Amino acid sequence: MLERDILKACMLAIPEIWPGARVFRNNVGIAEFKGGQKVAYGLCNGSSDLIGWIPRVIDASMLGTTLAQFLAIECKAPGKRPTPQQRRFLNAVQRAGGLAIVAHGREDIQDA
């Protein structure tokens, strides 16, 4: 299965697994225009393929309040691993209380 197929499967699975969750495709790179001008796009080097949030209802101390938990999903073809920059990004998301997933398919999203 190609990485783009995994990414598409993950995007379709997310609303079923986490109702109300939203994800956005995050492409990262540099575009070069005629004349040599370069423009960086995407969040940052190493940021995940899918970025979004999951709505979470808070406990009794904030009764009924819903907050958005940050969500980062790095989609990888079978046998592929995140780069060191991608791993650092995922670790930073986890340390801050977000949910960071390396997905080789829909099952990894469900297991998270």
N, C-alpha and C. Protein backbone atom coordinates (compact mmCIF):
# COMPACT_ATOMS: atom_id res chain seq x y z
N MET A 1 0.85 -1.19 0.00
CA MET A 1 0.00 0.00 0.00
C MET A 1 0.89 1.24 0.00
N LEU A 2 0.55 2.22 -0.80
CA LEU A 2 1.33 3.45 -0.89
C LEU A 2 0.95 4.40 0.24
N GLU A 3 1.88 5.31 0.55
CA GLU A 3 1.65 6.26 1.63
C GLU A 3 0.40 7.11 1.39
N ARG A 4 0.17 7.50 0.15
CA ARG A 4 -1.02 8.33 -0.14
C ARG A 4 -2.31 7.55 0.14
N ASP A 5 -2.30 6.22 -0.09
CA ASP A 5 -3.47 5.39 0.20
C ASP A 5 -3.70 5.29 1.71
N ILE A 6 -2.61 5.18 2.47
CA ILE A 6 -2.71 5.14 3.93
C ILE A 6 -3.25 6.46 4.45
N LEU A 7 -2.73 7.56 3.90
CA LEU A 7 -3.18 8.89 4.32
C LEU A 7 -4.68 9.04 4.07
N LYS A 8 -5.13 8.65 2.91
CA LYS A 8 -6.55 8.76 2.57
C LYS A 8 -7.40 7.89 3.50
N ALA A 9 -6.95 6.65 3.76
CA ALA A 9 -7.69 5.76 4.65
C ALA A 9 -7.78 6.35 6.06
N CYS A 10 -6.70 6.95 6.53
CA CYS A 10 -6.69 7.57 7.85
C CYS A 10 -7.65 8.76 7.90
N MET A 11 -7.64 9.59 6.87
CA MET A 11 -8.53 10.76 6.84
C MET A 11 -10.00 10.33 6.87
N LEU A 12 -10.32 9.24 6.18
CA LEU A 12 -11.70 8.74 6.16
C LEU A 12 -12.08 8.09 7.48
N ALA A 13 -11.12 7.48 8.16
CA ALA A 13 -11.41 6.77 9.41
C ALA A 13 -11.60 7.70 10.60
N ILE A 14 -10.95 8.83 10.60
CA ILE A 14 -10.94 9.69 11.78
C ILE A 14 -12.33 10.11 12.24
N PRO A 15 -13.24 10.58 11.38
CA PRO A 15 -14.57 10.97 11.88
C PRO A 15 -15.37 9.79 12.43
N GLU A 16 -15.09 8.58 11.94
CA GLU A 16 -15.79 7.40 12.46
C GLU A 16 -15.27 7.02 13.85
N ILE A 17 -13.97 7.14 14.03
CA ILE A 17 -13.33 6.74 15.28
C ILE A 17 -13.52 7.79 16.36
N TRP A 18 -13.36 9.05 16.00
CA TRP A 18 -13.51 10.17 16.94
C TRP A 18 -14.53 11.15 16.36
N PRO A 19 -15.81 10.99 16.64
CA PRO A 19 -16.81 11.94 16.14
C PRO A 19 -16.45 13.37 16.54
N GLY A 20 -16.55 14.27 15.60
CA GLY A 20 -16.24 15.68 15.85
C GLY A 20 -14.78 16.04 15.62
N ALA A 21 -13.92 15.04 15.43
CA ALA A 21 -12.51 15.33 15.17
C ALA A 21 -12.35 15.95 13.80
N ARG A 22 -11.34 16.78 13.65
CA ARG A 22 -11.03 17.42 12.37
C ARG A 22 -9.56 17.25 12.08
N VAL A 23 -9.22 16.92 10.85
CA VAL A 23 -7.82 16.86 10.43
C VAL A 23 -7.66 17.58 9.11
N PHE A 24 -6.46 18.07 8.91
CA PHE A 24 -6.13 18.81 7.71
C PHE A 24 -4.81 18.26 7.17
N ARG A 25 -4.71 18.18 5.85
CA ARG A 25 -3.49 17.71 5.21
C ARG A 25 -2.43 18.79 5.36
N ASN A 26 -1.27 18.40 5.81
CA ASN A 26 -0.16 19.32 6.00
C ASN A 26 1.00 18.91 5.10
N ASN A 27 1.15 19.60 3.99
CA ASN A 27 2.31 19.37 3.12
C ASN A 27 3.41 20.33 3.56
N VAL A 28 4.63 19.84 3.59
CA VAL A 28 5.77 20.66 3.99
C VAL A 28 6.80 20.62 2.87
N GLY A 29 7.32 21.78 2.54
CA GLY A 29 8.34 21.83 1.51
C GLY A 29 8.72 23.25 1.14
N ILE A 30 9.38 23.38 0.01
CA ILE A 30 9.79 24.69 -0.51
C ILE A 30 9.39 24.75 -1.98
N ALA A 31 8.64 25.78 -2.33
CA ALA A 31 8.26 26.00 -3.73
C ALA A 31 9.22 27.02 -4.33
N GLU A 32 9.68 26.72 -5.53
CA GLU A 32 10.57 27.65 -6.22
C GLU A 32 9.85 28.22 -7.43
N PHE A 33 9.85 29.54 -7.51
CA PHE A 33 9.16 30.24 -8.58
C PHE A 33 10.16 30.69 -9.65
N LYS A 34 9.60 31.05 -10.81
CA LYS A 34 10.45 31.61 -11.86
C LYS A 34 11.19 32.82 -11.28
N GLY A 35 12.41 32.95 -11.61
CA GLY A 35 13.21 34.04 -11.05
C GLY A 35 13.97 33.60 -9.81
N GLY A 36 13.72 32.38 -9.35
CA GLY A 36 14.49 31.83 -8.23
C GLY A 36 13.94 32.08 -6.84
N GLN A 37 12.81 32.80 -6.74
CA GLN A 37 12.25 33.05 -5.40
C GLN A 37 11.75 31.74 -4.80
N LYS A 38 12.07 31.53 -3.53
CA LYS A 38 11.64 30.32 -2.83
C LYS A 38 10.73 30.68 -1.68
N VAL A 39 9.69 29.85 -1.51
CA VAL A 39 8.73 30.07 -0.42
C VAL A 39 8.52 28.75 0.31
N ALA A 40 8.75 28.77 1.61
CA ALA A 40 8.51 27.58 2.43
C ALA A 40 7.02 27.49 2.74
N TYR A 41 6.50 26.26 2.78
CA TYR A 41 5.10 26.06 3.12
C TYR A 41 4.97 24.90 4.08
N GLY A 42 3.83 24.82 4.76
CA GLY A 42 3.60 23.81 5.79
C GLY A 42 3.93 24.38 7.16
N LEU A 43 3.64 23.59 8.20
CA LEU A 43 3.87 24.07 9.56
C LEU A 43 5.35 24.26 9.86
N CYS A 44 6.13 23.20 9.79
CA CYS A 44 7.56 23.25 10.05
C CYS A 44 8.17 21.94 9.57
N ASN A 45 9.47 21.92 9.40
CA ASN A 45 10.14 20.68 9.02
C ASN A 45 9.84 19.61 10.07
N GLY A 46 9.44 18.45 9.60
CA GLY A 46 9.15 17.36 10.51
C GLY A 46 7.72 17.29 10.98
N SER A 47 6.91 18.32 10.70
CA SER A 47 5.52 18.28 11.15
C SER A 47 4.75 17.19 10.40
N SER A 48 3.74 16.66 11.05
CA SER A 48 3.03 15.47 10.58
C SER A 48 2.18 15.72 9.34
N ASP A 49 1.84 14.61 8.66
CA ASP A 49 1.03 14.66 7.45
C ASP A 49 -0.37 15.18 7.71
N LEU A 50 -0.94 14.78 8.84
CA LEU A 50 -2.28 15.19 9.21
C LEU A 50 -2.22 15.92 10.55
N ILE A 51 -2.83 17.09 10.59
CA ILE A 51 -2.84 17.93 11.79
C ILE A 51 -4.29 18.27 12.09
N GLY A 52 -4.66 18.23 13.35
CA GLY A 52 -6.03 18.57 13.71
C GLY A 52 -6.27 18.50 15.19
N TRP A 53 -7.52 18.17 15.54
CA TRP A 53 -7.88 18.07 16.95
C TRP A 53 -8.98 17.04 17.16
N ILE A 54 -9.08 16.63 18.42
CA ILE A 54 -10.13 15.72 18.87
C ILE A 54 -10.87 16.44 19.99
N PRO A 55 -12.21 16.55 19.92
CA PRO A 55 -12.93 17.18 21.02
C PRO A 55 -12.92 16.27 22.24
N ARG A 56 -12.60 16.82 23.39
CA ARG A 56 -12.55 16.07 24.64
C ARG A 56 -13.40 16.78 25.69
N VAL A 57 -14.29 16.04 26.30
CA VAL A 57 -15.10 16.59 27.40
C VAL A 57 -14.26 16.48 28.67
N ILE A 58 -14.20 17.56 29.42
CA ILE A 58 -13.37 17.66 30.60
C ILE A 58 -14.12 17.12 31.83
N ASP A 59 -13.38 16.70 32.83
CA ASP A 59 -13.95 16.11 34.05
C ASP A 59 -14.77 17.11 34.86
N ALA A 60 -15.18 16.70 36.04
CA ALA A 60 -16.10 17.47 36.88
C ALA A 60 -15.60 18.87 37.22
N SER A 61 -14.29 19.07 37.30
CA SER A 61 -13.79 20.40 37.66
C SER A 61 -14.11 21.46 36.61
N MET A 62 -14.34 21.03 35.39
CA MET A 62 -14.72 21.96 34.32
C MET A 62 -15.97 21.40 33.64
N LEU A 63 -16.89 20.98 34.45
CA LEU A 63 -18.10 20.27 34.05
C LEU A 63 -18.67 20.73 32.71
N GLY A 64 -18.73 19.79 31.78
CA GLY A 64 -19.38 20.02 30.49
C GLY A 64 -18.54 20.76 29.46
N THR A 65 -17.39 21.26 29.86
CA THR A 65 -16.55 21.99 28.92
C THR A 65 -15.88 21.02 27.96
N THR A 66 -15.86 21.36 26.70
CA THR A 66 -15.16 20.55 25.72
C THR A 66 -13.94 21.32 25.24
N LEU A 67 -12.80 20.66 25.26
CA LEU A 67 -11.57 21.25 24.76
C LEU A 67 -11.08 20.45 23.57
N ALA A 68 -10.26 21.06 22.75
CA ALA A 68 -9.69 20.38 21.60
C ALA A 68 -8.32 19.84 21.96
N GLN A 69 -8.13 18.52 21.83
CA GLN A 69 -6.82 17.92 22.02
C GLN A 69 -6.12 17.91 20.67
N PHE A 70 -4.90 18.44 20.64
CA PHE A 70 -4.13 18.51 19.39
C PHE A 70 -3.86 17.10 18.88
N LEU A 71 -3.94 16.91 17.59
CA LEU A 71 -3.77 15.62 16.96
C LEU A 71 -2.75 15.73 15.83
N ALA A 72 -1.73 14.86 15.84
CA ALA A 72 -0.73 14.82 14.78
C ALA A 72 -0.59 13.37 14.33
N ILE A 73 -0.78 13.12 13.03
CA ILE A 73 -0.68 11.77 12.48
C ILE A 73 0.35 11.77 11.36
N GLU A 74 1.37 10.96 11.53
CA GLU A 74 2.39 10.77 10.50
C GLU A 74 2.07 9.47 9.78
N CYS A 75 1.70 9.56 8.52
CA CYS A 75 1.33 8.38 7.72
C CYS A 75 2.57 7.81 7.03
N LYS A 76 2.75 6.52 7.17
CA LYS A 76 3.93 5.87 6.61
C LYS A 76 3.53 4.59 5.89
N ALA A 77 4.19 4.33 4.77
CA ALA A 77 4.01 3.07 4.05
C ALA A 77 4.56 1.93 4.92
N PRO A 78 4.08 0.72 4.71
CA PRO A 78 4.57 -0.41 5.50
C PRO A 78 6.10 -0.51 5.46
N GLY A 79 6.68 -0.72 6.63
CA GLY A 79 8.13 -0.84 6.73
C GLY A 79 8.87 0.48 6.83
N LYS A 80 8.18 1.60 6.65
CA LYS A 80 8.81 2.92 6.72
C LYS A 80 8.66 3.48 8.13
N ARG A 81 9.63 4.29 8.54
CA ARG A 81 9.63 4.90 9.87
C ARG A 81 9.72 6.42 9.74
N PRO A 82 9.27 7.14 10.77
CA PRO A 82 9.42 8.60 10.74
C PRO A 82 10.90 9.00 10.72
N THR A 83 11.17 10.13 10.08
CA THR A 83 12.52 10.68 10.09
C THR A 83 12.81 11.21 11.50
N PRO A 84 14.06 11.48 11.82
CA PRO A 84 14.37 12.07 13.13
C PRO A 84 13.60 13.37 13.39
N GLN A 85 13.47 14.23 12.36
CA GLN A 85 12.70 15.48 12.52
C GLN A 85 11.23 15.18 12.81
N GLN A 86 10.65 14.21 12.12
CA GLN A 86 9.25 13.85 12.34
C GLN A 86 9.07 13.26 13.73
N ARG A 87 10.01 12.44 14.18
CA ARG A 87 9.94 11.85 15.52
C ARG A 87 10.00 12.94 16.58
N ARG A 88 10.88 13.95 16.39
CA ARG A 88 10.96 15.06 17.35
C ARG A 88 9.64 15.82 17.42
N PHE A 89 9.01 16.05 16.27
CA PHE A 89 7.72 16.74 16.25
C PHE A 89 6.67 15.93 17.02
N LEU A 90 6.59 14.63 16.73
CA LEU A 90 5.62 13.77 17.41
C LEU A 90 5.87 13.73 18.91
N ASN A 91 7.12 13.65 19.32
CA ASN A 91 7.45 13.66 20.75
C ASN A 91 7.04 14.97 21.41
N ALA A 92 7.25 16.09 20.71
CA ALA A 92 6.87 17.40 21.26
C ALA A 92 5.35 17.48 21.44
N VAL A 93 4.60 16.95 20.49
CA VAL A 93 3.14 16.93 20.61
C VAL A 93 2.73 16.11 21.83
N GLN A 94 3.32 14.94 22.00
CA GLN A 94 2.98 14.09 23.15
C GLN A 94 3.33 14.76 24.47
N ARG A 95 4.52 15.35 24.55
CA ARG A 95 4.93 16.02 25.80
C ARG A 95 3.97 17.15 26.18
N ALA A 96 3.37 17.78 25.18
CA ALA A 96 2.45 18.89 25.44
C ALA A 96 1.01 18.43 25.69
N GLY A 97 0.78 17.11 25.70
CA GLY A 97 -0.56 16.59 25.97
C GLY A 97 -1.38 16.26 24.75
N GLY A 98 -0.79 16.38 23.57
CA GLY A 98 -1.50 16.03 22.34
C GLY A 98 -1.40 14.54 22.06
N LEU A 99 -2.11 14.12 21.04
CA LEU A 99 -2.08 12.73 20.60
C LEU A 99 -1.26 12.66 19.32
N ALA A 100 -0.16 11.90 19.36
CA ALA A 100 0.74 11.77 18.21
C ALA A 100 0.76 10.31 17.78
N ILE A 101 0.50 10.07 16.49
CA ILE A 101 0.37 8.71 15.98
C ILE A 101 1.21 8.54 14.73
N VAL A 102 1.89 7.40 14.65
CA VAL A 102 2.50 6.97 13.39
C VAL A 102 1.55 5.91 12.85
N ALA A 103 0.97 6.17 11.68
CA ALA A 103 -0.06 5.29 11.12
C ALA A 103 0.44 4.61 9.85
N HIS A 104 0.38 3.28 9.88
CA HIS A 104 0.66 2.49 8.69
C HIS A 104 -0.65 2.01 8.07
N GLY A 105 -1.76 2.45 8.67
CA GLY A 105 -3.09 2.10 8.19
C GLY A 105 -4.14 2.48 9.21
N ARG A 106 -5.38 2.25 8.85
CA ARG A 106 -6.54 2.59 9.69
C ARG A 106 -6.43 1.98 11.08
N GLU A 107 -5.87 0.77 11.16
CA GLU A 107 -5.80 0.05 12.43
C GLU A 107 -4.99 0.83 13.48
N ASP A 108 -3.94 1.52 13.05
CA ASP A 108 -3.14 2.30 13.98
C ASP A 108 -3.93 3.47 14.55
N ILE A 109 -4.84 4.03 13.75
CA ILE A 109 -5.70 5.11 14.24
C ILE A 109 -6.67 4.54 15.27
N GLN A 110 -7.28 3.41 14.97
CA GLN A 110 -8.23 2.79 15.89
C GLN A 110 -7.55 2.40 17.20
N ASP A 111 -6.34 1.87 17.13
CA ASP A 111 -5.64 1.44 18.33
C ASP A 111 -5.22 2.60 19.23
N ALA A 112 -5.09 3.78 18.64
CA ALA A 112 -4.67 4.94 19.43
C ALA A 112 -5.79 5.38 20.36
